[in-house]
Amino acid sequence: MKAIRVHQFGEPESMALEEIAEPEPESGQVRLQIAAAGVNPVDTYIRAGTYHIRPNLPYTPGNDGTGRIDAVGQGVSHLKVGDRVYCAGSLSGTYAEKALCASARVFPLPETLSYAQGASVGVPYGAAYHGLFHRAKALPGETVLVHGATGGVGTAAVQLAKAHGMTVAATGGTEKGRRQAAEQGADLVLNHKSTGYLEQLMAWTHGRGVDVILEMLANVNLGEDLKVLAANGRVVVIGSRGTVEINPRDAMQKNAAILGMLLGSVSAEEFRRIHAALGAGMASNVVKPLVDRELPLAQAPEAHRRFMEAGAAGQIVLVP
């Protein structure tokens, strides 16, 4: 089978399409015939060697994918060959024609979602749900700022927050991205490249501030985030690409909390709850992933380059 392989950590060009042997499922595992593989920020960090976890080389990237099950290992009774599914975690990597997954990480994919959309569920919606509900403990009636709402996680956060009765402000750096955020239900959409946009946010809240901020680029925004929180507000750091200096008094004055999160560190029970909720969201048309583009598997380096560019508007997926 064909698969993307990384033999050394580095630039996107370190990924190459190769022919390798098909993996065989062991007990508790299934094998997917991959129809689409999701591309996520963590994939780029691991490939570059900057992530805190480094897989043994060579390896195949990718945690998210969709397709049909084509082989089932011993002890798996709730899944069968031919099932249309998505996976949220792979043992062998999803940037490939076939991938092994633990059966507990594989879930039904409704016919209402395309394979490309399904490949955009696991990491983006999992991170948004974990940040919003497990970390921030956001409640109906609260006001949420999705700071960077145009990528996969940001889009998911807007959809989930609106569906749960929250008032949502969103930011984006491009006209296309801001229009997309509005279409997903954001009540206020701001250009985070414009001077004074946070003053507009404070005016919109009549000086109160927001209860929750989901922050996609903490190294740029965290210091200013603290100034626009309401009393007892919470900032959840979902993404960061460097260090940042803050004034602790801004947090002290608001009795605020700065909460880190890492989707890979969720407990088995949290993981189960996340995907039970997302399954219900897909069934009720709340979970509606936006796919920006589909690229052939061989263009994985191009996908990584595009993903890290400013102005993301939706998810990128690879198609074998």
Protein backbone atom coordinates (compact mmCIF):
# COMPACT_ATOMS: atom_id res chain seq x y z
CA MET A 1 0.00 0.00 0.00
CA LYS A 2 1.03 3.62 -0.39
CA ALA A 3 1.74 5.74 2.68
CA ILE A 4 3.48 8.96 3.62
CA ARG A 5 6.68 8.23 5.53
CA VAL A 6 8.91 10.48 7.60
CA HIS A 7 12.50 9.26 7.97
CA GLN A 8 13.85 12.35 9.71
CA PHE A 9 12.25 15.27 11.51
CA GLY A 10 12.33 18.54 9.64
CA GLU A 11 10.62 20.56 6.93
CA PRO A 12 7.47 19.44 5.07
CA GLU A 13 9.70 17.94 2.37
CA SER A 14 10.79 15.31 4.89
CA MET A 15 7.50 13.55 4.04
CA ALA A 16 7.52 11.23 1.03
CA LEU A 17 5.04 8.82 -0.52
CA GLU A 18 6.32 5.24 -0.35
CA GLU A 19 5.15 1.68 -0.82
CA ILE A 20 4.96 -0.27 2.46
CA ALA A 21 3.35 -3.49 3.70
CA GLU A 22 -0.30 -3.41 4.81
CA PRO A 23 -0.66 -3.48 8.61
CA GLU A 24 -2.58 -6.38 10.13
CA PRO A 25 -5.01 -5.80 13.01
CA GLU A 26 -4.27 -7.48 16.31
CA SER A 27 -6.68 -8.10 19.17
CA GLY A 28 -8.88 -5.08 19.84
CA GLN A 29 -7.90 -3.36 16.59
CA VAL A 30 -9.51 -2.66 13.23
CA ARG A 31 -8.05 -1.66 9.87
CA LEU A 32 -9.56 1.15 7.80
CA GLN A 33 -9.46 1.56 4.06
CA ILE A 34 -8.77 5.29 4.27
CA ALA A 35 -11.00 7.57 2.20
CA ALA A 36 -9.75 10.84 3.70
CA ALA A 37 -7.17 11.84 6.30
CA GLY A 38 -7.40 15.02 8.36
CA VAL A 39 -4.43 17.38 8.59
CA ASN A 40 -3.99 19.06 12.00
CA PRO A 41 -1.48 21.42 13.64
CA VAL A 42 -0.12 18.65 15.84
CA ASP A 43 0.84 16.71 12.69
CA THR A 44 3.10 19.59 11.63
CA TYR A 45 4.70 19.93 15.06
CA ILE A 46 5.48 16.22 15.26
CA ARG A 47 6.91 16.18 11.74
CA ALA A 48 9.10 19.17 12.55
CA GLY A 49 10.38 17.50 15.73
CA THR A 50 9.18 20.34 17.97
CA TYR A 51 6.42 18.40 19.75
CA HIS A 52 6.98 16.92 23.22
CA ILE A 53 6.34 13.44 21.83
CA ARG A 54 8.52 12.04 19.07
CA PRO A 55 7.48 8.80 17.34
CA ASN A 56 10.11 6.28 16.37
CA LEU A 57 11.40 6.86 12.86
CA PRO A 58 10.32 6.16 10.22
CA TYR A 59 6.64 6.80 10.85
CA THR A 60 3.41 7.67 9.03
CA PRO A 61 1.70 10.90 10.24
CA GLY A 62 -2.00 11.41 10.94
CA ASN A 63 -4.51 10.73 13.71
CA ASP A 64 -7.80 11.54 12.01
CA GLY A 65 -9.30 9.59 9.14
CA THR A 66 -12.42 8.12 7.59
CA GLY A 67 -13.26 5.14 5.46
CA ARG A 68 -14.68 1.66 5.68
CA ILE A 69 -13.40 -1.10 7.91
CA ASP A 70 -11.74 -3.82 5.84
CA ALA A 71 -10.34 -6.05 8.62
CA VAL A 72 -11.21 -6.69 12.26
CA GLY A 73 -9.00 -8.14 14.98
CA GLN A 74 -10.03 -10.61 17.66
CA GLY A 75 -12.28 -9.40 20.44
CA VAL A 76 -13.97 -6.65 18.42
CA SER A 77 -17.72 -7.19 18.33
CA HIS A 78 -19.24 -3.71 17.93
CA LEU A 79 -17.59 -3.02 14.55
CA LYS A 80 -17.57 -5.11 11.38
CA VAL A 81 -16.07 -5.16 7.92
CA GLY A 82 -17.81 -2.62 5.69
CA ASP A 83 -18.81 -0.17 8.44
CA ARG A 84 -18.52 3.49 7.44
CA VAL A 85 -16.53 5.13 10.24
CA TYR A 86 -14.22 7.88 11.40
CA CYS A 87 -11.23 7.40 13.67
CA ALA A 88 -9.92 9.76 16.33
CA GLY A 89 -6.46 8.32 16.78
CA SER A 90 -4.48 5.83 14.74
CA LEU A 91 -1.85 3.26 15.65
CA SER A 92 -0.16 3.30 12.26
CA GLY A 93 -0.97 6.79 10.89
CA THR A 94 -3.79 7.89 8.61
CA TYR A 95 -1.72 9.49 5.83
CA ALA A 96 -1.96 6.15 4.05
CA GLU A 97 -4.25 3.94 1.99
CA LYS A 98 -4.93 1.80 5.09
CA ALA A 99 -4.55 2.46 8.81
CA LEU A 100 -4.76 0.52 12.05
CA CYS A 101 -6.85 1.90 14.90
CA ALA A 102 -7.79 0.75 18.36
CA SER A 103 -11.47 -0.17 18.16
CA ALA A 104 -12.26 2.23 21.04
CA ARG A 105 -11.10 5.09 18.82
CA VAL A 106 -13.41 4.29 15.89
CA PHE A 107 -16.96 5.62 15.60
CA PRO A 108 -19.85 5.47 13.09
CA LEU A 109 -19.84 8.16 10.41
CA PRO A 110 -23.36 9.24 9.38
CA GLU A 111 -24.17 9.32 5.68
CA THR A 112 -25.02 13.00 6.12
CA LEU A 113 -21.30 13.80 6.39
CA SER A 114 -18.82 13.28 3.58
CA TYR A 115 -15.61 11.36 4.17
CA ALA A 116 -13.69 14.65 4.04
CA GLN A 117 -15.96 16.16 6.69
CA GLY A 118 -15.62 13.08 8.88
CA ALA A 119 -11.83 13.32 8.69
CA SER A 120 -12.20 16.82 10.15
CA VAL A 121 -13.99 15.73 13.34
CA GLY A 122 -11.51 13.99 15.67
CA VAL A 123 -8.88 16.57 16.61
CA PRO A 124 -10.72 19.83 15.74
CA TYR A 125 -14.04 19.02 17.41
CA GLY A 126 -12.40 17.02 20.19
CA ALA A 127 -10.18 19.97 21.09
CA ALA A 128 -13.06 22.46 20.90
CA TYR A 129 -15.31 20.31 23.08
CA HIS A 130 -12.59 19.58 25.64
CA GLY A 131 -11.61 23.23 25.88
CA LEU A 132 -15.13 24.59 26.06
CA PHE A 133 -16.78 22.08 28.37
CA HIS A 134 -14.12 20.12 30.27
CA ARG A 135 -11.62 22.92 30.87
CA ALA A 136 -13.63 26.17 30.80
CA LYS A 137 -16.82 24.49 32.04
CA ALA A 138 -18.75 26.95 29.88
CA LEU A 139 -22.47 27.28 30.55
CA PRO A 140 -25.53 28.36 28.57
CA GLY A 141 -25.97 32.13 28.79
CA GLU A 142 -22.25 32.87 29.01
CA THR A 143 -20.34 34.91 26.46
CA VAL A 144 -17.47 33.21 24.65
CA LEU A 145 -14.70 34.71 22.52
CA VAL A 146 -13.24 32.29 19.99
CA HIS A 147 -9.93 34.03 19.35
CA GLY A 148 -9.01 32.63 15.95
CA ALA A 149 -12.30 31.20 14.76
CA THR A 150 -11.57 30.35 11.12
CA GLY A 151 -9.58 27.12 11.38
CA GLY A 152 -10.92 23.67 12.18
CA VAL A 153 -10.92 24.06 15.97
CA GLY A 154 -12.29 27.60 15.83
CA THR A 155 -15.14 26.64 13.52
CA ALA A 156 -16.00 23.71 15.79
CA ALA A 157 -15.95 25.95 18.85
CA VAL A 158 -18.37 28.44 17.30
CA GLN A 159 -20.80 25.68 16.32
CA LEU A 160 -20.67 23.94 19.72
CA ALA A 161 -20.95 27.12 21.77
CA LYS A 162 -23.96 28.38 19.79
CA ALA A 163 -25.68 25.01 20.00
CA HIS A 164 -25.32 25.13 23.79
CA GLY A 165 -26.93 28.53 24.24
CA MET A 166 -23.86 30.77 24.47
CA THR A 167 -23.33 34.19 22.96
CA VAL A 168 -20.29 34.00 20.68
CA ALA A 169 -17.76 36.57 19.53
CA ALA A 170 -15.26 35.39 16.93
CA THR A 171 -12.15 36.79 15.31
CA GLY A 172 -10.59 36.15 11.92
CA GLY A 173 -7.79 37.64 9.86
CA THR A 174 -9.40 37.42 6.42
CA GLU A 175 -12.69 38.51 4.95
CA LYS A 176 -13.42 34.94 3.89
CA GLY A 177 -12.74 33.63 7.39
CA ARG A 178 -14.86 36.30 9.07
CA ARG A 179 -17.74 35.67 6.70
CA GLN A 180 -17.47 31.97 7.47
CA ALA A 181 -17.58 32.62 11.24
CA ALA A 182 -20.72 34.70 10.82
CA GLU A 183 -22.32 31.96 8.73
CA GLN A 184 -21.61 29.47 11.54
CA GLY A 185 -23.59 31.62 13.96
CA ALA A 186 -21.12 33.99 15.62
CA ASP A 187 -23.00 36.95 17.09
CA LEU A 188 -20.07 39.34 16.65
CA VAL A 189 -17.17 38.93 14.21
CA LEU A 190 -14.01 41.03 14.52
CA ASN A 191 -10.84 41.46 12.49
CA HIS A 192 -7.96 40.63 14.84
CA LYS A 193 -5.59 42.44 12.50
CA SER A 194 -7.38 45.74 13.08
CA THR A 195 -6.27 48.23 15.72
CA GLY A 196 -8.84 48.56 18.49
CA TYR A 197 -10.78 45.36 17.81
CA LEU A 198 -10.73 44.41 21.49
CA GLU A 199 -12.15 47.82 22.37
CA GLN A 200 -15.01 46.96 20.01
CA LEU A 201 -15.46 43.69 21.92
CA MET A 202 -15.63 45.50 25.26
CA ALA A 203 -18.15 48.01 23.90
CA TRP A 204 -20.26 45.11 22.60
CA THR A 205 -20.34 43.60 26.12
CA HIS A 206 -21.12 47.07 27.61
CA GLY A 207 -17.78 47.01 29.42
CA ARG A 208 -18.41 43.70 31.18
CA GLY A 209 -16.02 41.51 29.16
CA VAL A 210 -16.40 37.87 28.15
CA ASP A 211 -16.73 34.83 30.38
CA VAL A 212 -14.62 32.43 28.33
CA ILE A 213 -11.86 32.87 25.75
CA LEU A 214 -10.74 29.96 23.60
CA GLU A 215 -7.26 31.04 22.52
CA MET A 216 -5.62 29.58 19.40
CA LEU A 217 -2.44 31.72 19.46
CA ALA A 218 -1.57 32.44 23.08
CA ASN A 219 1.96 33.67 22.39
CA VAL A 220 0.43 36.65 20.56
CA ASN A 221 -2.85 37.25 22.41
CA LEU A 222 -2.77 36.00 26.00
CA GLY A 223 -1.66 39.27 27.61
CA GLU A 224 -4.49 41.17 25.94
CA ASP A 225 -7.02 38.39 26.55
CA LEU A 226 -6.77 38.93 30.29
CA LYS A 227 -7.86 42.55 29.89
CA VAL A 228 -11.16 41.67 28.22
CA LEU A 229 -12.30 38.95 30.61
CA ALA A 230 -15.33 39.39 32.82
CA ALA A 231 -15.04 38.71 36.54
CA ASN A 232 -14.27 35.03 37.14
CA GLY A 233 -13.45 34.62 33.45
CA ARG A 234 -11.43 31.77 32.01
CA VAL A 235 -8.91 31.64 29.18
CA VAL A 236 -8.27 28.21 27.68
CA VAL A 237 -4.99 27.96 25.81
CA ILE A 238 -5.63 25.63 22.87
CA GLY A 239 -2.74 26.76 20.69
CA SER A 240 0.56 28.62 21.09
CA ARG A 241 3.71 28.92 19.00
CA GLY A 242 6.07 30.52 21.48
CA THR A 243 6.42 32.37 24.75
CA VAL A 244 4.49 35.40 25.99
CA GLU A 245 4.81 37.98 28.75
CA ILE A 246 1.73 38.84 30.80
CA ASN A 247 0.89 41.07 33.74
CA PRO A 248 -0.40 38.74 36.50
CA ARG A 249 -2.39 41.62 37.99
CA ASP A 250 -4.72 41.49 35.00
CA ALA A 251 -5.68 37.97 36.08
CA MET A 252 -5.75 38.85 39.78
CA GLN A 253 -8.13 41.78 39.31
CA LYS A 254 -10.64 39.59 37.47
CA ASN A 255 -10.22 36.50 39.70
CA ALA A 256 -9.46 34.89 36.35
CA ALA A 257 -8.09 31.49 35.42
CA ILE A 258 -5.62 30.60 32.66
CA LEU A 259 -6.19 26.98 31.71
CA GLY A 260 -3.94 24.91 29.51
CA MET A 261 -5.19 21.88 27.61
CA LEU A 262 -3.83 19.06 25.52
CA LEU A 263 -6.28 16.79 23.72
CA GLY A 264 -3.84 13.89 23.88
CA SER A 265 -3.97 13.99 27.68
CA VAL A 266 -7.72 13.48 28.12
CA SER A 267 -8.80 10.54 30.23
CA ALA A 268 -10.53 7.52 28.72
CA GLU A 269 -13.81 8.71 30.27
CA GLU A 270 -13.41 12.24 28.89
CA PHE A 271 -12.65 10.78 25.46
CA ARG A 272 -15.77 8.62 25.60
CA ARG A 273 -17.92 11.58 26.59
CA ILE A 274 -16.45 13.80 23.87
CA HIS A 275 -17.33 11.38 21.10
CA ALA A 276 -20.72 10.52 22.54
CA ALA A 277 -21.49 14.25 22.36
CA LEU A 278 -20.01 14.65 18.88
CA GLY A 279 -21.98 11.64 17.64
CA ALA A 280 -25.17 13.29 18.87
CA GLY A 281 -24.04 16.54 17.27
CA MET A 282 -23.56 14.88 13.90
CA ALA A 283 -26.98 13.26 14.15
CA SER A 284 -28.64 16.61 14.92
CA ASN A 285 -26.66 18.58 12.30
CA VAL A 286 -24.81 20.64 14.93
CA VAL A 287 -21.41 19.20 13.97
CA LYS A 288 -20.83 20.43 10.41
CA PRO A 289 -17.11 20.45 9.57
CA LEU A 290 -16.00 22.90 6.90
CA VAL A 291 -13.42 21.54 4.46
CA ASP A 292 -11.29 24.17 2.80
CA ARG A 293 -9.58 21.84 0.33
CA GLU A 294 -8.84 18.22 -0.50
CA LEU A 295 -5.37 17.30 -1.72
CA PRO A 296 -3.92 14.03 -3.02
CA LEU A 297 -1.90 12.02 -0.49
CA ALA A 298 1.32 12.73 -2.39
CA GLN A 299 0.81 16.46 -1.68
CA ALA A 300 1.15 16.05 2.09
CA PRO A 301 4.09 18.52 2.13
CA GLU A 302 1.94 21.13 0.40
CA ALA A 303 -0.89 20.45 2.87
CA HIS A 304 1.45 21.13 5.81
CA ARG A 305 2.73 24.34 4.24
CA ARG A 306 -0.79 25.60 3.54
CA PHE A 307 -2.01 24.62 6.99
CA MET A 308 0.53 26.81 8.76
CA GLU A 309 -0.16 29.86 6.60
CA ALA A 310 -2.14 32.74 8.08
CA GLY A 311 -5.76 33.07 7.09
CA ALA A 312 -6.92 29.46 7.41
CA ALA A 313 -10.59 29.00 6.60
CA GLY A 314 -11.64 25.42 7.22
CA GLN A 315 -9.88 22.08 7.27
CA ILE A 316 -7.42 20.50 4.84
CA VAL A 317 -7.71 16.76 4.13
CA LEU A 318 -5.61 14.29 2.16
CA VAL A 319 -7.22 11.78 -0.17
CA PRO A 320 -5.37 8.54 -1.06
